[in-house]
Structure formats: structure tokens, C-alpha cells
Amino acid sequence: MIITDDQAAYIAANLEFYGVVQQELREDLLDHICTYIENDTFTDFESAYKEAILKFGGHHAMAILQQETVIMLMLKKNVQLQKTIYISGFVAGFCLSTGSLFKIMHWPFASILLLLGFIILNVLFMPLFFYHKYKTADKKIISS
């Protein structure tokens, strides 16, 4: 069975009605549903559409897919933020401790290492750390 443009628009409108508001997810689901309908031996569009929706978990599963996608995207951003915080904290601590050691031993580049360590600490690490704390405290208040 070949899907017409009107039928594809009908499926897209239904997906939006069922709670799939993210454009990329809606397009992917539309593609999967249309592919399922076209690859099977259906004669009637309505029965094919109903079976395709049931294969994807029913109407309620569409909103759950949207929620899970948003959660996964937020989790990915959170992990990247945490990695940046850890790396900048390590680099700042390394520069400060090495710069202090160099200063005590009167070796060259001590002032540069100390300055670099304080810049990384104050410009990168501290703002990201407090931003992350603010965001996680916000989530804790919402979830309780």
C-alpha cells in the first residue's frame, strides 16, 4: 500500500494530537509508521494505521515517547556539563598546585601557572559549578 500526502498529513496531525510536539521525533515516528504501512500487505488505510499505532504501543505510548526523548536529551546535556565541570576543576587545581610548587621552588613560569589557575577557577569552574547546583536544586524542588 502506498501512502498519499493527505494520509501522511493525517498521521502527522494525529501524532501531534497524541502529544508528540518535538518536530524531529514526530518526523521519525511518521517515517516509521509510513514505512510499516507501506511494507505490509494492507488494503485499507484505517486498519493499517490502527495496527501500526498498536505496534508502536498505542496512542498513550506516543506521549511517553515524547517524555522519554526530552529526558534523554536533558540527561545528555547534564552529563556534558558535569564533564566540563570536572575537567575545568582538575585543570584549575593542577595549575594552582603546580604554580604554588614552582613559586616555592623559585622556578620559572610560576606566576603564569598561578594566574592561569585562578582564571580557569573563577571564569570557568565556579560559574559552571554554581549553575549546575542551581539547576539541580530547582529539579529537587519540583520533584518533591
C-alpha atoms as a PDB file:
ATOM      1  CA  MET A   1       0.000   0.000   0.000  1.00  0.00           C
ATOM      2  CA  ILE A   2       1.339   3.430  -0.921  1.00  0.00           C
ATOM      3  CA  ILE A   3       0.775   6.348   1.456  1.00  0.00           C
ATOM      4  CA  THR A   4      -0.563   9.568  -0.072  1.00  0.00           C
ATOM      5  CA  ASP A   5       0.385  13.061   1.091  1.00  0.00           C
ATOM      6  CA  ASP A   6      -3.041  13.515   2.707  1.00  0.00           C
ATOM      7  CA  GLN A   7      -2.641  10.292   4.663  1.00  0.00           C
ATOM      8  CA  ALA A   8       0.857  11.310   5.809  1.00  0.00           C
ATOM      9  CA  ALA A   9      -0.520  14.695   6.918  1.00  0.00           C
ATOM     10  CA  TYR A  10      -3.317  12.876   8.782  1.00  0.00           C
ATOM     11  CA  ILE A  11      -0.768  10.706  10.595  1.00  0.00           C
ATOM     12  CA  ALA A  12       1.391  13.751  11.449  1.00  0.00           C
ATOM     13  CA  ALA A  13      -1.639  15.636  12.816  1.00  0.00           C
ATOM     14  CA  ASN A  14      -2.609  12.633  14.928  1.00  0.00           C
ATOM     15  CA  LEU A  15       0.900  12.323  16.313  1.00  0.00           C
ATOM     16  CA  GLU A  16       0.807  15.958  17.362  1.00  0.00           C
ATOM     17  CA  PHE A  17      -2.627  15.401  18.902  1.00  0.00           C
ATOM     18  CA  TYR A  18      -1.298  12.404  20.855  1.00  0.00           C
ATOM     19  CA  GLY A  19       1.396  14.540  22.480  1.00  0.00           C
ATOM     20  CA  VAL A  20       4.400  14.323  20.163  1.00  0.00           C
ATOM     21  CA  VAL A  21       5.326  18.002  19.935  1.00  0.00           C
ATOM     22  CA  GLN A  22       9.035  17.719  19.141  1.00  0.00           C
ATOM     23  CA  GLN A  23       9.448  18.110  15.372  1.00  0.00           C
ATOM     24  CA  GLU A  24      12.304  15.626  14.888  1.00  0.00           C
ATOM     25  CA  LEU A  25      10.602  12.901  16.910  1.00  0.00           C
ATOM     26  CA  ARG A  26       7.318  13.457  15.065  1.00  0.00           C
ATOM     27  CA  GLU A  27       9.074  13.162  11.699  1.00  0.00           C
ATOM     28  CA  ASP A  28      10.856   9.980  12.782  1.00  0.00           C
ATOM     29  CA  LEU A  29       7.647   8.397  14.050  1.00  0.00           C
ATOM     30  CA  LEU A  30       5.829   9.447  10.890  1.00  0.00           C
ATOM     31  CA  ASP A  31       8.552   7.822   8.810  1.00  0.00           C
ATOM     32  CA  HIS A  32       8.425   4.594  10.830  1.00  0.00           C
ATOM     33  CA  ILE A  33       4.645   4.372  10.716  1.00  0.00           C
ATOM     34  CA  CYS A  34       4.514   5.065   6.966  1.00  0.00           C
ATOM     35  CA  THR A  35       7.244   2.511   6.317  1.00  0.00           C
ATOM     36  CA  TYR A  36       5.391  -0.094   8.367  1.00  0.00           C
ATOM     37  CA  ILE A  37       2.156   0.538   6.473  1.00  0.00           C
ATOM     38  CA  GLU A  38       3.845   0.524   3.060  1.00  0.00           C
ATOM     39  CA  ASN A  39       5.849  -2.654   3.676  1.00  0.00           C
ATOM     40  CA  ASP A  40       2.925  -4.755   4.887  1.00  0.00           C
ATOM     41  CA  THR A  41       0.054  -6.120   2.778  1.00  0.00           C
ATOM     42  CA  PHE A  42      -2.782  -3.846   3.820  1.00  0.00           C
ATOM     43  CA  THR A  43      -5.697  -2.855   1.614  1.00  0.00           C
ATOM     44  CA  ASP A  44      -7.405  -0.360   3.915  1.00  0.00           C
ATOM     45  CA  PHE A  45      -5.577   2.692   5.309  1.00  0.00           C
ATOM     46  CA  GLU A  46      -7.609   2.924   8.530  1.00  0.00           C
ATOM     47  CA  SER A  47      -6.953  -0.653   9.591  1.00  0.00           C
ATOM     48  CA  ALA A  48      -3.293  -0.341   8.592  1.00  0.00           C
ATOM     49  CA  TYR A  49      -2.920   2.869  10.605  1.00  0.00           C
ATOM     50  CA  LYS A  50      -4.587   1.361  13.679  1.00  0.00           C
ATOM     51  CA  GLU A  51      -2.346  -1.704  13.525  1.00  0.00           C
ATOM     52  CA  ALA A  52       0.750   0.457  13.068  1.00  0.00           C
ATOM     53  CA  ILE A  53      -0.153   2.548  16.108  1.00  0.00           C
ATOM     54  CA  LEU A  54      -0.715  -0.623  18.128  1.00  0.00           C
ATOM     55  CA  LYS A  55       2.699  -1.915  17.030  1.00  0.00           C
ATOM     56  CA  PHE A  56       4.258   1.233  18.497  1.00  0.00           C
ATOM     57  CA  GLY A  57       2.459   0.777  21.802  1.00  0.00           C
ATOM     58  CA  GLY A  58      -0.836   2.553  21.225  1.00  0.00           C
ATOM     59  CA  HIS A  59      -1.878   6.163  21.495  1.00  0.00           C
ATOM     60  CA  HIS A  60      -0.686   6.555  25.082  1.00  0.00           C
ATOM     61  CA  ALA A  61       2.821   5.392  24.203  1.00  0.00           C
ATOM     62  CA  MET A  62       3.307   8.378  21.880  1.00  0.00           C
ATOM     63  CA  ALA A  63       3.237  10.888  24.740  1.00  0.00           C
ATOM     64  CA  ILE A  64       5.529   8.620  26.767  1.00  0.00           C
ATOM     65  CA  LEU A  65       7.975   8.529  23.845  1.00  0.00           C
ATOM     66  CA  GLN A  66       7.976  12.330  23.833  1.00  0.00           C
ATOM     67  CA  GLN A  67       8.676  12.478  27.572  1.00  0.00           C
ATOM     68  CA  GLU A  68      11.457   9.891  27.366  1.00  0.00           C
ATOM     69  CA  THR A  69      13.085  11.751  24.486  1.00  0.00           C
ATOM     70  CA  VAL A  70      13.095  15.011  26.439  1.00  0.00           C
ATOM     71  CA  ILE A  71      14.535  13.255  29.494  1.00  0.00           C
ATOM     72  CA  MET A  72      17.288  11.630  27.442  1.00  0.00           C
ATOM     73  CA  LEU A  73      18.241  14.955  25.843  1.00  0.00           C
ATOM     74  CA  MET A  74      18.352  16.652  29.247  1.00  0.00           C
ATOM     75  CA  LEU A  75      20.441  13.797  30.647  1.00  0.00           C
ATOM     76  CA  LYS A  76      22.922  14.120  27.784  1.00  0.00           C
ATOM     77  CA  LYS A  77      23.286  17.873  28.406  1.00  0.00           C
ATOM     78  CA  ASN A  78      23.681  17.237  32.134  1.00  0.00           C
ATOM     79  CA  VAL A  79      26.460  14.695  31.562  1.00  0.00           C
ATOM     80  CA  GLN A  80      28.319  17.096  29.254  1.00  0.00           C
ATOM     81  CA  LEU A  81      28.019  19.868  31.849  1.00  0.00           C
ATOM     82  CA  GLN A  82      29.344  17.600  34.597  1.00  0.00           C
ATOM     83  CA  LYS A  83      32.308  16.550  32.444  1.00  0.00           C
ATOM     84  CA  THR A  84      33.136  20.192  31.765  1.00  0.00           C
ATOM     85  CA  ILE A  85      32.925  20.982  35.482  1.00  0.00           C
ATOM     86  CA  TYR A  86      35.198  18.091  36.453  1.00  0.00           C
ATOM     87  CA  ILE A  87      37.771  18.809  33.756  1.00  0.00           C
ATOM     88  CA  SER A  88      37.904  22.550  34.478  1.00  0.00           C
ATOM     89  CA  GLY A  89      38.178  21.876  38.211  1.00  0.00           C
ATOM     90  CA  PHE A  90      41.026  19.453  37.644  1.00  0.00           C
ATOM     91  CA  VAL A  91      42.903  21.816  35.333  1.00  0.00           C
ATOM     92  CA  ALA A  92      42.419  24.752  37.730  1.00  0.00           C
ATOM     93  CA  GLY A  93      43.592  22.698  40.705  1.00  0.00           C
ATOM     94  CA  PHE A  94      46.552  21.342  38.775  1.00  0.00           C
ATOM     95  CA  CYS A  95      47.634  24.800  37.622  1.00  0.00           C
ATOM     96  CA  LEU A  96      47.255  26.266  41.117  1.00  0.00           C
ATOM     97  CA  SER A  97      49.139  23.465  42.888  1.00  0.00           C
ATOM     98  CA  THR A  98      51.888  23.322  40.271  1.00  0.00           C
ATOM     99  CA  GLY A  99      52.159  27.109  40.261  1.00  0.00           C
ATOM    100  CA  SER A 100      52.434  27.130  44.055  1.00  0.00           C
ATOM    101  CA  LEU A 101      55.155  24.490  43.935  1.00  0.00           C
ATOM    102  CA  PHE A 102      57.003  26.443  41.255  1.00  0.00           C
ATOM    103  CA  LYS A 103      56.678  29.630  43.348  1.00  0.00           C
ATOM    104  CA  ILE A 104      58.053  27.914  46.454  1.00  0.00           C
ATOM    105  CA  MET A 105      60.974  26.468  44.486  1.00  0.00           C
ATOM    106  CA  HIS A 106      61.549  29.809  42.653  1.00  0.00           C
ATOM    107  CA  TRP A 107      61.244  28.127  39.272  1.00  0.00           C
ATOM    108  CA  PRO A 108      60.205  29.983  36.110  1.00  0.00           C
ATOM    109  CA  PHE A 109      56.568  30.192  34.908  1.00  0.00           C
ATOM    110  CA  ALA A 110      55.203  30.102  38.470  1.00  0.00           C
ATOM    111  CA  SER A 111      53.264  33.349  38.070  1.00  0.00           C
ATOM    112  CA  ILE A 112      51.823  32.249  34.722  1.00  0.00           C
ATOM    113  CA  LEU A 113      50.595  28.937  36.173  1.00  0.00           C
ATOM    114  CA  LEU A 114      49.050  30.657  39.193  1.00  0.00           C
ATOM    115  CA  LEU A 115      47.348  33.266  37.019  1.00  0.00           C
ATOM    116  CA  LEU A 116      46.055  30.603  34.611  1.00  0.00           C
ATOM    117  CA  GLY A 117      44.763  28.505  37.519  1.00  0.00           C
ATOM    118  CA  PHE A 118      42.876  31.436  39.057  1.00  0.00           C
ATOM    119  CA  ILE A 119      41.418  32.465  35.693  1.00  0.00           C
ATOM    120  CA  ILE A 120      40.137  28.945  34.990  1.00  0.00           C
ATOM    121  CA  LEU A 121      38.803  28.662  38.525  1.00  0.00           C
ATOM    122  CA  ASN A 122      36.974  31.999  38.511  1.00  0.00           C
ATOM    123  CA  VAL A 123      35.840  32.208  34.889  1.00  0.00           C
ATOM    124  CA  LEU A 124      35.010  28.598  34.026  1.00  0.00           C
ATOM    125  CA  PHE A 125      34.766  26.304  37.044  1.00  0.00           C
ATOM    126  CA  MET A 126      32.913  28.439  39.612  1.00  0.00           C
ATOM    127  CA  PRO A 127      30.151  29.745  37.280  1.00  0.00           C
ATOM    128  CA  LEU A 128      29.504  26.267  35.853  1.00  0.00           C
ATOM    129  CA  PHE A 129      29.550  24.706  39.319  1.00  0.00           C
ATOM    130  CA  PHE A 130      27.017  27.145  40.760  1.00  0.00           C
ATOM    131  CA  TYR A 131      24.860  26.974  37.615  1.00  0.00           C
ATOM    132  CA  HIS A 132      24.752  23.175  37.961  1.00  0.00           C
ATOM    133  CA  LYS A 133      23.901  23.454  41.672  1.00  0.00           C
ATOM    134  CA  TYR A 134      21.125  25.931  40.858  1.00  0.00           C
ATOM    135  CA  LYS A 135      19.635  23.648  38.179  1.00  0.00           C
ATOM    136  CA  THR A 136      19.756  20.517  40.357  1.00  0.00           C
ATOM    137  CA  ALA A 137      18.240  22.365  43.319  1.00  0.00           C
ATOM    138  CA  ASP A 138      15.439  23.522  41.004  1.00  0.00           C
ATOM    139  CA  LYS A 139      14.760  19.915  39.961  1.00  0.00           C
ATOM    140  CA  LYS A 140      14.742  18.710  43.568  1.00  0.00           C
ATOM    141  CA  ILE A 141      12.106  21.295  44.485  1.00  0.00           C
ATOM    142  CA  ILE A 142       9.954  20.336  41.501  1.00  0.00           C
ATOM    143  CA  SER A 143      10.228  16.588  42.115  1.00  0.00           C
ATOM    144  CA  SER A 144       9.281  16.799  45.827  1.00  0.00           C
END
